[in-house]
Amino acid sequence: MKVGILGATGYTGQELLRLLNIHPEAETVYLGSSSSAGKNLAEIYPHLSEQGYVLEAEEVPELDVLFVALPHGIAAARAEGLLRRGIKIIDLGADFRLINHQEYEQWYNTKHANPLLLKEAVYGLPELYRNDINGKALVANPGCYPTASLLALVPLLKAGVLNKDHIIIDAKSGVSGAGRGINQTVHYSEVNENFKAYGVGDHRHTPEIEQQLSKASGDKVLINFTPHLVPMTRGILATIYAEVKKGLGTRVLRECLREAYEEEPFIHVLPEGVWPQTKYAYGSNHAFLQFKYDQRTGKVILVSVLDNLVKGASGQAIQNMNILFGLPETMGLETTALWP
């Protein structure tokens, strides 16, 4: 497959390239960057000096698939023309994640460039929507926080074991989730020895999570979602609280998660009493889940962990590419986590 990356100099673009370089069926032939066209990629990422990649302007050549690793607003403006040329698109931004363009415009404070194209897009979380992805040409790669949250909650909501009200998601992310752009809030001196909440009550991933939880539940779901910035480079850890329906408990909850993920190579429901840590997933496409049913309060506490740049972004995008082209989902993603 001839593969391209638009937005190759960002963290997710660089992570895509790292993973594509070990993919046996992918040949990266185009690296696009509007700000760095003409430069050798090694000038920005010296560890890639042996690759010899030169960054090009945004004129996309003939490709089988293009990864768009750019901020919201750009993919929607360009996707239609690329799709007409037979290029499959996997968008790592937010332009096609929300099915309602008015909701997108409300949360992202910008007009959607191509609302009609939303009907053509599929939400690319393979473990939950694999059959929807097959045969599509436009994939909306999920956000990192939504991936961690949905993997934990969707099987339980689909099985009807949770009350849909009063779901609370308390999530933490490493600093790479903020991207590579210059931003005072992620300077070393601002982040080091610090821990803070942000986007409280209005984070843009909220409607994305609610949309998919509502789909799983069959009814409208509203959540309380609070993200936090942690002074580490990679990782997402989401702690989730939900009310379990009366008469149900640990056995039913574990059986639901077991049935959902026992055949999934990247999702691991840990043995009872073993709690996920971000290091378990560091640098890999794996995600780890655990839960505890609190009989005293009737609530379940779920903990979900993944690497925000891999399963939360670039690794999941390659997993989607593998599905689109009929390849084993694990191809190019077999690496285990880095430890320590």
C-alpha atoms as a PDB file:
ATOM      1  CA  MET A   1       0.000   0.000   0.000  1.00  0.00           C
ATOM      2  CA  LYS A   2       1.189   3.496  -0.802  1.00  0.00           C
ATOM      3  CA  VAL A   3       0.657   5.554   2.334  1.00  0.00           C
ATOM      4  CA  GLY A   4       0.839   9.269   3.092  1.00  0.00           C
ATOM      5  CA  ILE A   5       0.738  11.397   6.227  1.00  0.00           C
ATOM      6  CA  LEU A   6      -0.577  14.936   6.164  1.00  0.00           C
ATOM      7  CA  GLY A   7       0.753  16.678   9.252  1.00  0.00           C
ATOM      8  CA  ALA A   8       3.891  14.567   9.506  1.00  0.00           C
ATOM      9  CA  THR A   9       5.786  16.803  11.931  1.00  0.00           C
ATOM     10  CA  GLY A  10       3.367  16.548  14.845  1.00  0.00           C
ATOM     11  CA  TYR A  11       3.559  13.936  17.571  1.00  0.00           C
ATOM     12  CA  THR A  12       0.848  11.747  16.043  1.00  0.00           C
ATOM     13  CA  GLY A  13       2.383  12.123  12.580  1.00  0.00           C
ATOM     14  CA  GLN A  14       5.793  11.082  13.872  1.00  0.00           C
ATOM     15  CA  GLU A  15       4.246   8.171  15.762  1.00  0.00           C
ATOM     16  CA  LEU A  16       2.464   7.071  12.583  1.00  0.00           C
ATOM     17  CA  LEU A  17       5.761   7.065  10.747  1.00  0.00           C
ATOM     18  CA  ARG A  18       7.473   5.065  13.499  1.00  0.00           C
ATOM     19  CA  LEU A  19       4.815   2.367  13.306  1.00  0.00           C
ATOM     20  CA  LEU A  20       4.472   2.382   9.511  1.00  0.00           C
ATOM     21  CA  ASN A  21       8.218   1.804   9.191  1.00  0.00           C
ATOM     22  CA  ILE A  22       7.746  -1.660  10.715  1.00  0.00           C
ATOM     23  CA  HIS A  23       4.548  -2.450   8.809  1.00  0.00           C
ATOM     24  CA  PRO A  24       5.321  -5.107   6.174  1.00  0.00           C
ATOM     25  CA  GLU A  25       2.587  -4.008   3.755  1.00  0.00           C
ATOM     26  CA  ALA A  26       2.908  -0.220   3.972  1.00  0.00           C
ATOM     27  CA  GLU A  27       5.224   2.014   1.967  1.00  0.00           C
ATOM     28  CA  THR A  28       5.285   5.619   3.168  1.00  0.00           C
ATOM     29  CA  VAL A  29       5.667   7.698   0.011  1.00  0.00           C
ATOM     30  CA  TYR A  30       4.369  11.099   1.119  1.00  0.00           C
ATOM     31  CA  LEU A  31       4.943  13.243   4.202  1.00  0.00           C
ATOM     32  CA  GLY A  32       3.046  16.510   4.012  1.00  0.00           C
ATOM     33  CA  SER A  33       3.725  19.637   6.026  1.00  0.00           C
ATOM     34  CA  SER A  34       2.607  23.153   5.160  1.00  0.00           C
ATOM     35  CA  SER A  35       5.037  24.777   7.606  1.00  0.00           C
ATOM     36  CA  SER A  36       8.146  22.687   6.875  1.00  0.00           C
ATOM     37  CA  ALA A  37       7.903  21.770   3.180  1.00  0.00           C
ATOM     38  CA  GLY A  38      11.302  21.185   1.611  1.00  0.00           C
ATOM     39  CA  LYS A  39      13.014  20.276   4.851  1.00  0.00           C
ATOM     40  CA  ASN A  40      14.474  16.884   5.578  1.00  0.00           C
ATOM     41  CA  LEU A  41      12.449  15.314   8.391  1.00  0.00           C
ATOM     42  CA  ALA A  42      15.722  14.642  10.214  1.00  0.00           C
ATOM     43  CA  GLU A  43      16.076  18.391  10.763  1.00  0.00           C
ATOM     44  CA  ILE A  44      13.046  18.178  13.033  1.00  0.00           C
ATOM     45  CA  TYR A  45      13.438  14.619  14.306  1.00  0.00           C
ATOM     46  CA  PRO A  46      17.161  13.706  14.189  1.00  0.00           C
ATOM     47  CA  HIS A  47      16.453  10.129  15.266  1.00  0.00           C
ATOM     48  CA  LEU A  48      14.958   9.626  11.785  1.00  0.00           C
ATOM     49  CA  SER A  49      18.135  10.717   9.978  1.00  0.00           C
ATOM     50  CA  GLU A  50      18.661   7.326   8.331  1.00  0.00           C
ATOM     51  CA  GLN A  51      15.225   7.381   6.707  1.00  0.00           C
ATOM     52  CA  GLY A  52      15.961  10.230   4.267  1.00  0.00           C
ATOM     53  CA  TYR A  53      12.401  11.579   4.286  1.00  0.00           C
ATOM     54  CA  VAL A  54      11.815  15.011   2.754  1.00  0.00           C
ATOM     55  CA  LEU A  55       8.715  16.941   3.765  1.00  0.00           C
ATOM     56  CA  GLU A  56       6.532  18.016   0.880  1.00  0.00           C
ATOM     57  CA  ALA A  57       3.911  20.671   0.296  1.00  0.00           C
ATOM     58  CA  GLU A  58       0.287  19.705   0.723  1.00  0.00           C
ATOM     59  CA  GLU A  59      -0.261  18.570  -2.898  1.00  0.00           C
ATOM     60  CA  VAL A  60      -1.175  14.957  -2.186  1.00  0.00           C
ATOM     61  CA  PRO A  61       0.061  12.412  -4.775  1.00  0.00           C
ATOM     62  CA  GLU A  62      -1.683   9.177  -5.736  1.00  0.00           C
ATOM     63  CA  LEU A  63      -2.023   7.051  -2.614  1.00  0.00           C
ATOM     64  CA  ASP A  64      -3.977   4.123  -1.302  1.00  0.00           C
ATOM     65  CA  VAL A  65      -4.545   5.746   2.079  1.00  0.00           C
ATOM     66  CA  LEU A  66      -3.866   9.132   3.641  1.00  0.00           C
ATOM     67  CA  PHE A  67      -3.611   9.751   7.371  1.00  0.00           C
ATOM     68  CA  VAL A  68      -4.642  13.305   8.261  1.00  0.00           C
ATOM     69  CA  ALA A  69      -2.883  14.246  11.499  1.00  0.00           C
ATOM     70  CA  LEU A  70      -3.879  17.891  11.627  1.00  0.00           C
ATOM     71  CA  PRO A  71      -6.063  20.132  13.809  1.00  0.00           C
ATOM     72  CA  HIS A  72      -9.808  20.140  13.250  1.00  0.00           C
ATOM     73  CA  GLY A  73     -11.209  21.996  10.247  1.00  0.00           C
ATOM     74  CA  ILE A  74      -8.652  20.931   7.646  1.00  0.00           C
ATOM     75  CA  ALA A  75      -9.672  17.342   6.854  1.00  0.00           C
ATOM     76  CA  ALA A  76     -13.305  18.247   6.194  1.00  0.00           C
ATOM     77  CA  ALA A  77     -12.276  20.940   3.717  1.00  0.00           C
ATOM     78  CA  ARG A  78     -10.085  18.576   1.664  1.00  0.00           C
ATOM     79  CA  ALA A  79     -11.617  15.135   2.075  1.00  0.00           C
ATOM     80  CA  GLU A  80     -14.144  15.159  -0.756  1.00  0.00           C
ATOM     81  CA  GLY A  81     -11.583  15.792  -3.476  1.00  0.00           C
ATOM     82  CA  LEU A  82      -9.240  13.135  -2.098  1.00  0.00           C
ATOM     83  CA  LEU A  83     -12.021  10.550  -1.847  1.00  0.00           C
ATOM     84  CA  ARG A  84     -12.984  11.203  -5.484  1.00  0.00           C
ATOM     85  CA  ARG A  85      -9.446  10.240  -6.420  1.00  0.00           C
ATOM     86  CA  GLY A  86      -9.904   6.888  -4.712  1.00  0.00           C
ATOM     87  CA  ILE A  87      -7.746   7.720  -1.702  1.00  0.00           C
ATOM     88  CA  LYS A  88      -9.009   6.311   1.578  1.00  0.00           C
ATOM     89  CA  ILE A  89      -8.791   8.771   4.466  1.00  0.00           C
ATOM     90  CA  ILE A  90      -8.194   8.141   8.148  1.00  0.00           C
ATOM     91  CA  ASP A  91      -8.676  11.414   9.989  1.00  0.00           C
ATOM     92  CA  LEU A  92      -6.973  11.659  13.383  1.00  0.00           C
ATOM     93  CA  GLY A  93      -8.694  14.987  14.000  1.00  0.00           C
ATOM     94  CA  ALA A  94     -12.257  15.721  15.049  1.00  0.00           C
ATOM     95  CA  ASP A  95     -13.944  16.666  11.767  1.00  0.00           C
ATOM     96  CA  PHE A  96     -15.888  13.426  11.265  1.00  0.00           C
ATOM     97  CA  ARG A  97     -16.318  12.103  14.811  1.00  0.00           C
ATOM     98  CA  LEU A  98     -19.642  13.836  15.517  1.00  0.00           C
ATOM     99  CA  ILE A  99     -22.578  12.877  13.310  1.00  0.00           C
ATOM    100  CA  ASN A 100     -24.366  16.189  13.968  1.00  0.00           C
ATOM    101  CA  HIS A 101     -22.569  19.109  12.324  1.00  0.00           C
ATOM    102  CA  GLN A 102     -24.390  21.602  14.546  1.00  0.00           C
ATOM    103  CA  GLU A 103     -22.986  19.895  17.626  1.00  0.00           C
ATOM    104  CA  TYR A 104     -19.533  20.002  16.049  1.00  0.00           C
ATOM    105  CA  GLU A 105     -19.904  23.724  15.366  1.00  0.00           C
ATOM    106  CA  GLN A 106     -21.065  24.365  18.929  1.00  0.00           C
ATOM    107  CA  TRP A 107     -18.189  22.518  20.624  1.00  0.00           C
ATOM    108  CA  TYR A 108     -15.408  23.411  18.175  1.00  0.00           C
ATOM    109  CA  ASN A 109     -16.540  26.984  17.537  1.00  0.00           C
ATOM    110  CA  THR A 110     -16.092  26.700  13.781  1.00  0.00           C
ATOM    111  CA  LYS A 111     -18.326  26.010  10.802  1.00  0.00           C
ATOM    112  CA  HIS A 112     -18.104  22.463   9.444  1.00  0.00           C
ATOM    113  CA  ALA A 113     -16.626  22.535   5.945  1.00  0.00           C
ATOM    114  CA  ASN A 114     -18.591  19.580   4.542  1.00  0.00           C
ATOM    115  CA  PRO A 115     -21.599  18.416   6.639  1.00  0.00           C
ATOM    116  CA  LEU A 116     -22.868  16.130   3.862  1.00  0.00           C
ATOM    117  CA  LEU A 117     -19.719  14.042   4.121  1.00  0.00           C
ATOM    118  CA  LEU A 118     -20.517  13.127   7.730  1.00  0.00           C
ATOM    119  CA  LYS A 119     -22.907  10.468   6.424  1.00  0.00           C
ATOM    120  CA  GLU A 120     -19.999   8.758   4.666  1.00  0.00           C
ATOM    121  CA  ALA A 121     -17.745   8.588   7.726  1.00  0.00           C
ATOM    122  CA  VAL A 122     -17.483   5.717  10.196  1.00  0.00           C
ATOM    123  CA  TYR A 123     -16.286   5.967  13.788  1.00  0.00           C
ATOM    124  CA  GLY A 124     -13.078   3.962  13.911  1.00  0.00           C
ATOM    125  CA  LEU A 125     -12.914   2.160  17.230  1.00  0.00           C
ATOM    126  CA  PRO A 126     -12.301  -1.369  15.916  1.00  0.00           C
ATOM    127  CA  GLU A 127     -13.137  -3.407  19.011  1.00  0.00           C
ATOM    128  CA  LEU A 128     -16.603  -1.845  19.121  1.00  0.00           C
ATOM    129  CA  TYR A 129     -17.414  -1.066  15.477  1.00  0.00           C
ATOM    130  CA  ARG A 130     -15.274  -3.394  13.398  1.00  0.00           C
ATOM    131  CA  ASN A 131     -18.106  -4.436  11.063  1.00  0.00           C
ATOM    132  CA  ASP A 132     -18.991  -0.800  10.350  1.00  0.00           C
ATOM    133  CA  ILE A 133     -15.420   0.046   9.351  1.00  0.00           C
ATOM    134  CA  ASN A 134     -15.012  -2.726   6.786  1.00  0.00           C
ATOM    135  CA  GLY A 135     -15.532  -1.426   3.257  1.00  0.00           C
ATOM    136  CA  LYS A 136     -15.523   2.276   4.149  1.00  0.00           C
ATOM    137  CA  ALA A 137     -13.312   4.962   2.662  1.00  0.00           C
ATOM    138  CA  LEU A 138     -13.507   7.638   5.370  1.00  0.00           C
ATOM    139  CA  VAL A 139     -12.665   6.792   8.984  1.00  0.00           C
ATOM    140  CA  ALA A 140     -12.943   9.132  11.961  1.00  0.00           C
ATOM    141  CA  ASN A 141     -10.201   7.992  14.296  1.00  0.00           C
ATOM    142  CA  PRO A 142     -11.437   8.421  17.894  1.00  0.00           C
ATOM    143  CA  GLY A 143      -9.904  10.747  20.434  1.00  0.00           C
ATOM    144  CA  CYS A 144      -7.656   9.363  23.175  1.00  0.00           C
ATOM    145  CA  TYR A 145      -9.953  10.158  26.104  1.00  0.00           C
ATOM    146  CA  PRO A 146     -13.004   8.735  24.285  1.00  0.00           C
ATOM    147  CA  THR A 147     -11.150   5.527  23.412  1.00  0.00           C
ATOM    148  CA  ALA A 148     -10.221   4.898  27.054  1.00  0.00           C
ATOM    149  CA  SER A 149     -13.727   5.745  28.261  1.00  0.00           C
ATOM    150  CA  LEU A 150     -15.705   3.866  25.619  1.00  0.00           C
ATOM    151  CA  LEU A 151     -13.722   0.649  25.891  1.00  0.00           C
ATOM    152  CA  ALA A 152     -14.680   0.476  29.559  1.00  0.00           C
ATOM    153  CA  LEU A 153     -18.307   1.588  29.344  1.00  0.00           C
ATOM    154  CA  VAL A 154     -19.815   0.506  26.018  1.00  0.00           C
ATOM    155  CA  PRO A 155     -19.966  -3.275  26.687  1.00  0.00           C
ATOM    156  CA  LEU A 156     -21.696  -2.661  30.030  1.00  0.00           C
ATOM    157  CA  LEU A 157     -24.217  -0.192  28.612  1.00  0.00           C
ATOM    158  CA  LYS A 158     -24.981  -2.469  25.660  1.00  0.00           C
ATOM    159  CA  ALA A 159     -25.605  -5.326  28.073  1.00  0.00           C
ATOM    160  CA  GLY A 160     -27.965  -3.140  30.086  1.00  0.00           C
ATOM    161  CA  VAL A 161     -26.197  -3.624  33.412  1.00  0.00           C
ATOM    162  CA  LEU A 162     -25.618   0.090  34.114  1.00  0.00           C
ATOM    163  CA  ASN A 163     -27.974   2.956  34.768  1.00  0.00           C
ATOM    164  CA  LYS A 164     -27.214   5.513  32.089  1.00  0.00           C
ATOM    165  CA  ASP A 165     -27.485   8.468  34.465  1.00  0.00           C
ATOM    166  CA  HIS A 166     -24.733   9.796  36.760  1.00  0.00           C
ATOM    167  CA  ILE A 167     -21.734   8.500  34.782  1.00  0.00           C
ATOM    168  CA  ILE A 168     -18.579  10.304  35.894  1.00  0.00           C
ATOM    169  CA  ILE A 169     -15.295  10.086  33.967  1.00  0.00           C
ATOM    170  CA  ASP A 170     -12.213  11.382  35.760  1.00  0.00           C
ATOM    171  CA  ALA A 171      -9.324  11.095  33.311  1.00  0.00           C
ATOM    172  CA  LYS A 172      -5.620  11.980  33.248  1.00  0.00           C
ATOM    173  CA  SER A 173      -3.318  12.477  30.273  1.00  0.00           C
ATOM    174  CA  GLY A 174       0.358  12.888  29.623  1.00  0.00           C
ATOM    175  CA  VAL A 175       1.546  16.169  28.120  1.00  0.00           C
ATOM    176  CA  SER A 176       2.023  14.799  24.582  1.00  0.00           C
ATOM    177  CA  GLY A 177      -1.776  14.821  24.295  1.00  0.00           C
ATOM    178  CA  ALA A 178      -1.570  18.610  23.945  1.00  0.00           C
ATOM    179  CA  GLY A 179       0.419  18.265  20.713  1.00  0.00           C
ATOM    180  CA  ARG A 180       3.718  19.764  19.625  1.00  0.00           C
ATOM    181  CA  GLY A 181       2.615  23.374  19.228  1.00  0.00           C
ATOM    182  CA  ILE A 182       3.959  26.182  21.382  1.00  0.00           C
ATOM    183  CA  ASN A 183       1.690  26.651  24.364  1.00  0.00           C
ATOM    184  CA  GLN A 184       2.636  28.191  27.699  1.00  0.00           C
ATOM    185  CA  THR A 185       0.414  25.766  29.628  1.00  0.00           C
ATOM    186  CA  VAL A 186       2.616  22.817  28.612  1.00  0.00           C
ATOM    187  CA  HIS A 187       6.022  24.411  29.168  1.00  0.00           C
ATOM    188  CA  TYR A 188       8.238  22.309  31.412  1.00  0.00           C
ATOM    189  CA  SER A 189       8.148  24.815  34.264  1.00  0.00           C
ATOM    190  CA  GLU A 190       4.343  24.962  34.100  1.00  0.00           C
ATOM    191  CA  VAL A 191       3.844  21.183  34.066  1.00  0.00           C
ATOM    192  CA  ASN A 192       6.684  19.816  36.192  1.00  0.00           C
ATOM    193  CA  GLU A 193       5.670  19.038  39.783  1.00  0.00           C
ATOM    194  CA  ASN A 194       2.150  20.140  38.929  1.00  0.00           C
ATOM    195  CA  PHE A 195      -1.192  18.392  38.436  1.00  0.00           C
ATOM    196  CA  LYS A 196      -4.271  20.194  37.188  1.00  0.00           C
ATOM    197  CA  ALA A 197      -7.758  19.825  35.797  1.00  0.00           C
ATOM    198  CA  TYR A 198      -8.627  21.568  32.536  1.00  0.00           C
ATOM    199  CA  GLY A 199     -11.595  21.803  30.189  1.00  0.00           C
ATOM    200  CA  VAL A 200     -13.829  21.290  33.213  1.00  0.00           C
ATOM    201  CA  GLY A 201     -17.412  20.812  32.031  1.00  0.00           C
ATOM    202  CA  ASP A 202     -16.673  21.848  28.457  1.00  0.00           C
ATOM    203  CA  HIS A 203     -13.931  19.617  27.054  1.00  0.00           C
ATOM    204  CA  ARG A 204     -14.444  18.915  23.336  1.00  0.00           C
ATOM    205  CA  HIS A 205     -14.289  15.157  23.786  1.00  0.00           C
ATOM    206  CA  THR A 206     -17.486  15.262  25.860  1.00  0.00           C
ATOM    207  CA  PRO A 207     -19.985  15.104  22.960  1.00  0.00           C
ATOM    208  CA  GLU A 208     -17.938  12.385  21.260  1.00  0.00           C
ATOM    209  CA  ILE A 209     -18.135  10.185  24.360  1.00  0.00           C
ATOM    210  CA  GLU A 210     -21.821  10.963  24.892  1.00  0.00           C
ATOM    211  CA  GLN A 211     -22.656  10.168  21.263  1.00  0.00           C
ATOM    212  CA  GLN A 212     -21.180   6.680  21.436  1.00  0.00           C
ATOM    213  CA  LEU A 213     -22.543   5.929  24.907  1.00  0.00           C
ATOM    214  CA  SER A 214     -26.007   6.975  23.722  1.00  0.00           C
ATOM    215  CA  LYS A 215     -25.658   4.630  20.761  1.00  0.00           C
ATOM    216  CA  ALA A 216     -24.718   1.771  23.092  1.00  0.00           C
ATOM    217  CA  SER A 217     -27.494   2.539  25.552  1.00  0.00           C
ATOM    218  CA  GLY A 218     -30.236   3.179  23.015  1.00  0.00           C
ATOM    219  CA  ASP A 219     -31.099   6.370  24.891  1.00  0.00           C
ATOM    220  CA  LYS A 220     -29.560   9.790  25.464  1.00  0.00           C
ATOM    221  CA  VAL A 221     -26.593   9.664  27.837  1.00  0.00           C
ATOM    222  CA  LEU A 222     -25.075  12.721  29.511  1.00  0.00           C
ATOM    223  CA  ILE A 223     -21.819  12.485  31.448  1.00  0.00           C
ATOM    224  CA  ASN A 224     -19.618  14.478  33.757  1.00  0.00           C
ATOM    225  CA  PHE A 225     -16.151  14.418  32.163  1.00  0.00           C
ATOM    226  CA  THR A 226     -13.115  16.070  33.714  1.00  0.00           C
ATOM    227  CA  PRO A 227      -9.647  15.696  32.157  1.00  0.00           C
ATOM    228  CA  HIS A 228      -6.402  16.357  34.016  1.00  0.00           C
ATOM    229  CA  LEU A 229      -2.856  17.065  32.870  1.00  0.00           C
ATOM    230  CA  VAL A 230      -0.185  14.886  34.493  1.00  0.00           C
ATOM    231  CA  PRO A 231       3.578  15.671  34.353  1.00  0.00           C
ATOM    232  CA  MET A 232       4.499  12.683  32.199  1.00  0.00           C
ATOM    233  CA  THR A 233       4.970  12.319  28.447  1.00  0.00           C
ATOM    234  CA  ARG A 234       2.542   9.550  27.481  1.00  0.00           C
ATOM    235  CA  GLY A 235      -0.462   7.792  28.851  1.00  0.00           C
ATOM    236  CA  ILE A 236      -4.174   8.009  29.603  1.00  0.00           C
ATOM    237  CA  LEU A 237      -5.703   6.722  32.819  1.00  0.00           C
ATOM    238  CA  ALA A 238      -9.466   7.077  33.152  1.00  0.00           C
ATOM    239  CA  THR A 239     -11.265   6.351  36.409  1.00  0.00           C
ATOM    240  CA  ILE A 240     -14.976   5.952  35.737  1.00  0.00           C
ATOM    241  CA  TYR A 241     -17.905   5.770  38.151  1.00  0.00           C
ATOM    242  CA  ALA A 242     -21.326   4.383  37.189  1.00  0.00           C
ATOM    243  CA  GLU A 243     -24.369   2.998  38.944  1.00  0.00           C
ATOM    244  CA  VAL A 244     -25.046  -0.723  38.552  1.00  0.00           C
ATOM    245  CA  LYS A 245     -28.634  -1.882  38.181  1.00  0.00           C
ATOM    246  CA  LYS A 246     -30.090  -3.492  41.278  1.00  0.00           C
ATOM    247  CA  GLY A 247     -29.571  -7.215  41.683  1.00  0.00           C
ATOM    248  CA  LEU A 248     -26.394  -7.248  39.593  1.00  0.00           C
ATOM    249  CA  GLY A 249     -22.786  -7.301  40.728  1.00  0.00           C
ATOM    250  CA  THR A 250     -19.217  -8.418  40.149  1.00  0.00           C
ATOM    251  CA  ARG A 251     -19.937 -11.674  38.334  1.00  0.00           C
ATOM    252  CA  VAL A 252     -22.191 -10.093  35.704  1.00  0.00           C
ATOM    253  CA  LEU A 253     -19.859  -7.135  35.152  1.00  0.00           C
ATOM    254  CA  ARG A 254     -16.814  -9.358  34.648  1.00  0.00           C
ATOM    255  CA  GLU A 255     -18.723 -11.658  32.312  1.00  0.00           C
ATOM    256  CA  CYS A 256     -19.792  -8.701  30.141  1.00  0.00           C
ATOM    257  CA  LEU A 257     -16.217  -7.457  29.799  1.00  0.00           C
ATOM    258  CA  ARG A 258     -14.884 -10.963  29.257  1.00  0.00           C
ATOM    259  CA  GLU A 259     -17.358 -11.631  26.438  1.00  0.00           C
ATOM    260  CA  ALA A 260     -16.556  -8.301  24.824  1.00  0.00           C
ATOM    261  CA  TYR A 261     -12.774  -8.643  24.840  1.00  0.00           C
ATOM    262  CA  GLU A 262     -11.653 -12.243  25.299  1.00  0.00           C
ATOM    263  CA  GLU A 263     -10.823 -12.522  21.574  1.00  0.00           C
ATOM    264  CA  GLU A 264      -9.366  -9.029  21.240  1.00  0.00           C
ATOM    265  CA  PRO A 265      -5.569  -8.974  20.946  1.00  0.00           C
ATOM    266  CA  PHE A 266      -5.159  -5.394  22.178  1.00  0.00           C
ATOM    267  CA  ILE A 267      -7.671  -5.194  25.052  1.00  0.00           C
ATOM    268  CA  HIS A 268      -6.838  -6.847  28.359  1.00  0.00           C
ATOM    269  CA  VAL A 269      -9.232  -7.234  31.277  1.00  0.00           C
ATOM    270  CA  LEU A 270      -6.818  -7.789  34.142  1.00  0.00           C
ATOM    271  CA  PRO A 271      -7.234 -10.436  36.850  1.00  0.00           C
ATOM    272  CA  GLU A 272      -9.160  -9.345  39.900  1.00  0.00           C
ATOM    273  CA  GLY A 273      -7.114  -7.090  42.156  1.00  0.00           C
ATOM    274  CA  VAL A 274      -4.559  -6.098  39.480  1.00  0.00           C
ATOM    275  CA  TRP A 275      -4.984  -2.409  38.655  1.00  0.00           C
ATOM    276  CA  PRO A 276      -3.826  -0.872  35.350  1.00  0.00           C
ATOM    277  CA  GLN A 277      -0.869   1.482  35.179  1.00  0.00           C
ATOM    278  CA  THR A 278       0.074   3.725  32.272  1.00  0.00           C
ATOM    279  CA  LYS A 279       3.436   1.936  31.985  1.00  0.00           C
ATOM    280  CA  TYR A 280       1.582  -1.239  31.002  1.00  0.00           C
ATOM    281  CA  ALA A 281       0.683   0.415  27.673  1.00  0.00           C
ATOM    282  CA  TYR A 282       3.615   2.791  27.123  1.00  0.00           C
ATOM    283  CA  GLY A 283       4.559   2.810  23.421  1.00  0.00           C
ATOM    284  CA  SER A 284       2.103   0.038  22.489  1.00  0.00           C
ATOM    285  CA  ASN A 285      -1.367  -0.359  20.994  1.00  0.00           C
ATOM    286  CA  HIS A 286      -2.616  -2.241  24.057  1.00  0.00           C
ATOM    287  CA  ALA A 287      -5.260  -1.102  26.541  1.00  0.00           C
ATOM    288  CA  PHE A 288      -5.867  -2.453  30.040  1.00  0.00           C
ATOM    289  CA  LEU A 289      -9.104  -2.547  32.041  1.00  0.00           C
ATOM    290  CA  GLN A 290     -10.066  -3.318  35.613  1.00  0.00           C
ATOM    291  CA  PHE A 291     -13.124  -2.692  37.782  1.00  0.00           C
ATOM    292  CA  LYS A 292     -14.464  -3.038  41.291  1.00  0.00           C
ATOM    293  CA  TYR A 293     -18.113  -3.265  42.240  1.00  0.00           C
ATOM    294  CA  ASP A 294     -18.756  -1.314  45.426  1.00  0.00           C
ATOM    295  CA  GLN A 295     -21.661  -3.146  47.023  1.00  0.00           C
ATOM    296  CA  ARG A 296     -21.988  -0.458  49.686  1.00  0.00           C
ATOM    297  CA  THR A 297     -22.821   2.286  47.169  1.00  0.00           C
ATOM    298  CA  GLY A 298     -24.130   0.163  44.287  1.00  0.00           C
ATOM    299  CA  LYS A 299     -21.569   1.673  41.933  1.00  0.00           C
ATOM    300  CA  VAL A 300     -18.827   0.248  39.772  1.00  0.00           C
ATOM    301  CA  ILE A 301     -15.394   1.876  39.577  1.00  0.00           C
ATOM    302  CA  LEU A 302     -13.701   1.199  36.239  1.00  0.00           C
ATOM    303  CA  VAL A 303     -10.080   1.994  35.411  1.00  0.00           C
ATOM    304  CA  SER A 304      -8.916   2.130  31.801  1.00  0.00           C
ATOM    305  CA  VAL A 305      -5.344   2.710  30.612  1.00  0.00           C
ATOM    306  CA  LEU A 306      -3.740   3.238  27.192  1.00  0.00           C
ATOM    307  CA  ASP A 307      -0.993   5.176  25.419  1.00  0.00           C
ATOM    308  CA  ASN A 308      -2.561   8.371  24.069  1.00  0.00           C
ATOM    309  CA  LEU A 309      -0.253   8.461  21.026  1.00  0.00           C
ATOM    310  CA  VAL A 310      -0.715   4.799  20.052  1.00  0.00           C
ATOM    311  CA  LYS A 311      -4.071   3.203  20.899  1.00  0.00           C
ATOM    312  CA  GLY A 312      -5.344   6.732  21.524  1.00  0.00           C
ATOM    313  CA  ALA A 313      -4.243   7.962  18.087  1.00  0.00           C
ATOM    314  CA  SER A 314      -1.687   6.580  15.611  1.00  0.00           C
ATOM    315  CA  GLY A 315      -1.740   2.877  16.497  1.00  0.00           C
ATOM    316  CA  GLN A 316      -5.514   2.802  16.326  1.00  0.00           C
ATOM    317  CA  ALA A 317      -5.329   4.585  12.968  1.00  0.00           C
ATOM    318  CA  ILE A 318      -3.074   1.816  11.620  1.00  0.00           C
ATOM    319  CA  GLN A 319      -5.429  -0.773  13.093  1.00  0.00           C
ATOM    320  CA  ASN A 320      -8.196   0.904  11.069  1.00  0.00           C
ATOM    321  CA  MET A 321      -6.014   0.882   7.953  1.00  0.00           C
ATOM    322  CA  ASN A 322      -5.489  -2.850   8.364  1.00  0.00           C
ATOM    323  CA  ILE A 323      -9.250  -3.387   8.474  1.00  0.00           C
ATOM    324  CA  LEU A 324      -9.841  -1.232   5.397  1.00  0.00           C
ATOM    325  CA  PHE A 325      -7.377  -3.295   3.363  1.00  0.00           C
ATOM    326  CA  GLY A 326      -8.309  -6.727   4.692  1.00  0.00           C
ATOM    327  CA  LEU A 327      -5.078  -7.242   6.629  1.00  0.00           C
ATOM    328  CA  PRO A 328      -4.684  -8.777  10.094  1.00  0.00           C
ATOM    329  CA  GLU A 329      -5.481  -6.018  12.590  1.00  0.00           C
ATOM    330  CA  THR A 330      -2.297  -6.667  14.540  1.00  0.00           C
ATOM    331  CA  MET A 331      -0.012  -6.192  11.518  1.00  0.00           C
ATOM    332  CA  GLY A 332       2.667  -3.611  12.316  1.00  0.00           C
ATOM    333  CA  LEU A 333       1.356  -3.264  15.861  1.00  0.00           C
ATOM    334  CA  GLU A 334       2.811  -6.310  17.572  1.00  0.00           C
ATOM    335  CA  THR A 335       5.248  -4.361  19.751  1.00  0.00           C
ATOM    336  CA  THR A 336       4.780  -4.651  23.507  1.00  0.00           C
ATOM    337  CA  ALA A 337       5.059  -1.772  25.944  1.00  0.00           C
ATOM    338  CA  LEU A 338       8.383  -0.193  26.926  1.00  0.00           C
ATOM    339  CA  TRP A 339       9.378  -0.897  30.511  1.00  0.00           C
ATOM    340  CA  PRO A 340      10.548   0.792  32.660  1.00  0.00           C
END
